C-alpha cells in the first residue's frame, strides 16, 4: 500500500519525489513497473484482479461495497468522516499536512484515481473525488 493522503511533502500521497504517491520512479504511486501504484500486474495499484487497486470485487480499490475504495460509508474510500478517503483532517485521504498515521489505500493516488474511475463509468464517484480535491485546492 502506498500513502494516499494529499500531503505534498516527503512520503505524502501528492509528493512527486521518491516514495511519493505521484512519483513515477520505482516504488512510487505513479510507477507502472512491479510494485508501483500504476502497475497492472498482481500487487499493483492498477491491478484489476483480487486485492488490486482497480479490482471491483470485495476488498478492491474500485469496490463500492463495505470496506471498498469507493464505498461511501464508514471505512470506505469515499467516506468524508474521520478516517475516510475524503476526510480532510488528520488520518484522512484528503489531509494535506504531515501525518504520523496517514490514510493508506491500495489504489492509485487520488488525482490519478479520479480519471480511472471516470473511465469505467462511475461518474458519481468521480464527481465526489473531484469535489474533494477541489476543496483542498487541486484543480482537476
Protein backbone atom coordinates (compact mmCIF):
# COMPACT_ATOMS: atom_id res chain seq x y z
CA UNK A 1 0.00 0.00 0.00
CA UNK A 2 1.07 3.49 -0.73
CA UNK A 3 0.44 6.60 1.31
CA UNK A 4 -2.64 8.15 -0.24
CA UNK A 5 -3.29 11.36 1.62
CA UNK A 6 -2.69 14.63 -0.23
CA UNK A 7 0.44 15.74 1.61
CA UNK A 8 2.98 17.21 -0.82
CA UNK A 9 5.98 16.63 1.44
CA UNK A 10 8.25 13.57 1.53
CA UNK A 11 6.30 10.34 1.66
CA UNK A 12 2.97 12.02 1.01
CA UNK A 13 0.37 10.85 -1.44
CA UNK A 14 0.81 14.01 -3.50
CA UNK A 15 4.60 14.00 -3.29
CA UNK A 16 6.41 13.67 -6.63
CA UNK A 17 9.75 12.60 -5.17
CA UNK A 18 10.93 9.07 -4.29
CA UNK A 19 8.36 7.15 -2.30
CA UNK A 20 5.59 9.61 -3.04
CA UNK A 21 2.14 8.86 -4.36
CA UNK A 22 2.79 10.76 -7.56
CA UNK A 23 6.36 9.56 -8.05
CA UNK A 24 6.86 7.84 -11.42
CA UNK A 25 10.04 6.00 -10.41
CA UNK A 26 10.39 2.57 -8.78
CA UNK A 27 8.17 2.18 -5.74
CA UNK A 28 6.18 5.30 -6.48
CA UNK A 29 2.43 5.61 -6.62
CA UNK A 30 2.54 6.53 -10.31
CA UNK A 31 5.15 3.92 -11.25
CA UNK A 32 3.99 1.42 -13.88
CA UNK A 33 6.55 -1.27 -13.02
CA UNK A 34 6.28 -4.06 -10.42
CA UNK A 35 5.32 -2.72 -7.03
CA UNK A 36 4.12 0.59 -8.39
CA UNK A 37 0.80 2.27 -7.89
CA UNK A 38 0.06 2.11 -11.61
CA UNK A 39 1.34 -1.43 -12.12
CA UNK A 40 -1.31 -3.62 -13.77
CA UNK A 41 0.14 -6.92 -12.55
CA UNK A 42 -0.56 -8.72 -9.27
CA UNK A 43 0.08 -6.50 -6.29
CA UNK A 44 -0.08 -3.32 -8.31
CA UNK A 45 -2.31 -0.36 -7.66
CA UNK A 46 -3.81 -0.64 -11.14
CA UNK A 47 -4.31 -4.42 -10.96
CA UNK A 48 -7.87 -5.49 -11.78
CA UNK A 49 -7.63 -8.85 -10.04
CA UNK A 50 -8.37 -9.70 -6.39
CA UNK A 51 -6.68 -7.33 -3.99
CA UNK A 52 -5.78 -4.84 -6.68
CA UNK A 53 -6.42 -1.15 -6.61
CA UNK A 54 -8.63 -1.37 -9.70
CA UNK A 55 -10.47 -4.51 -8.57
CA UNK A 56 -14.25 -4.06 -8.40
CA UNK A 57 -14.87 -7.01 -6.08
CA UNK A 58 -14.74 -7.15 -2.27
CA UNK A 59 -11.60 -5.58 -0.88
CA UNK A 60 -10.70 -3.88 -4.12
CA UNK A 61 -9.94 -0.23 -4.66
CA UNK A 62 -12.90 0.11 -7.03
CA UNK A 63 -15.36 -1.82 -4.86
CA UNK A 64 -18.45 0.19 -3.89
CA UNK A 65 -19.49 -2.10 -1.03
CA UNK A 66 -18.41 -2.04 2.63
CA UNK A 67 -14.68 -1.70 3.02
CA UNK A 68 -14.13 -0.87 -0.62
CA UNK A 69 -12.19 2.00 -2.07
CA UNK A 70 -15.34 3.55 -3.50
CA UNK A 71 -17.59 2.88 -0.51
CA UNK A 72 -19.23 6.00 0.94
CA UNK A 73 -19.84 4.58 4.41
CA UNK A 74 -17.50 4.36 7.42
CA UNK A 75 -14.22 2.76 6.49
CA UNK A 76 -14.70 3.41 2.81
CA UNK A 77 -12.51 5.33 0.42
CA UNK A 78 -15.27 7.80 -0.36
CA UNK A 79 -16.28 8.35 3.26
CA UNK A 80 -15.98 12.00 4.31
CA UNK A 81 -15.90 11.26 8.04
CA UNK A 82 -12.85 10.59 10.23
CA UNK A 83 -10.51 8.06 8.68
CA UNK A 84 -12.22 8.14 5.30
CA UNK A 85 -10.66 8.81 1.93
CA UNK A 86 -12.48 12.13 1.53
CA UNK A 87 -11.81 13.31 5.07
CA UNK A 88 -9.68 16.47 5.21
CA UNK A 89 -8.49 16.05 8.79
CA UNK A 90 -5.56 14.01 10.14
CA UNK A 91 -5.82 10.39 9.08
CA UNK A 92 -7.98 11.25 6.08
CA UNK A 93 -7.25 10.77 2.42
CA UNK A 94 -7.62 14.48 1.65
CA UNK A 95 -5.42 15.64 4.51
CA UNK A 96 -2.66 17.94 3.26
CA UNK A 97 -0.40 18.04 6.30
CA UNK A 98 2.25 15.70 7.69
CA UNK A 99 0.62 12.80 9.49
CA UNK A 100 2.02 10.21 11.89
CA UNK A 101 -0.84 7.84 10.98
CA UNK A 102 -1.66 8.69 7.35
CA UNK A 103 -4.55 7.38 5.31
CA UNK A 104 -3.44 4.34 3.33
CA UNK A 105 -5.08 2.65 0.36
CA UNK A 106 -4.22 0.18 -2.38
CA UNK A 107 -5.44 2.36 -5.24
CA UNK A 108 -3.52 4.90 -7.33
CA UNK A 109 -3.13 8.45 -6.00
CA UNK A 110 -6.34 10.49 -5.93
CA UNK A 111 -5.53 12.71 -8.94
CA UNK A 112 -4.89 9.56 -10.99
CA UNK A 113 -7.72 7.53 -9.49
CA UNK A 114 -10.39 10.07 -10.37
CA UNK A 115 -9.53 9.68 -14.07
CA UNK A 116 -9.60 5.88 -13.83
CA UNK A 117 -12.95 5.91 -12.01
CA UNK A 118 -14.44 8.10 -14.72
CA UNK A 119 -13.05 5.79 -17.45
CA UNK A 120 -15.04 2.84 -16.14
CA UNK A 121 -18.24 4.87 -15.98
CA UNK A 122 -18.51 5.58 -12.25
CA UNK A 123 -19.39 9.21 -12.85
CA UNK A 124 -20.94 9.96 -9.44
CA UNK A 125 -17.92 8.57 -7.61
CA UNK A 126 -15.59 10.57 -9.86
CA UNK A 127 -17.54 13.74 -9.07
CA UNK A 128 -17.20 13.08 -5.34
CA UNK A 129 -13.42 12.72 -5.64
CA UNK A 130 -13.16 15.82 -7.86
CA UNK A 131 -15.15 17.90 -5.37
CA UNK A 132 -12.95 16.74 -2.51
CA UNK A 133 -9.77 17.54 -4.46
CA UNK A 134 -11.09 21.00 -5.35
CA UNK A 135 -11.95 21.65 -1.70
CA UNK A 136 -8.25 21.32 -0.84
CA UNK A 137 -7.06 23.44 -3.75
CA UNK A 138 -6.47 20.93 -6.53
CA UNK A 139 -7.76 21.89 -9.96
CA UNK A 140 -8.98 18.67 -11.50
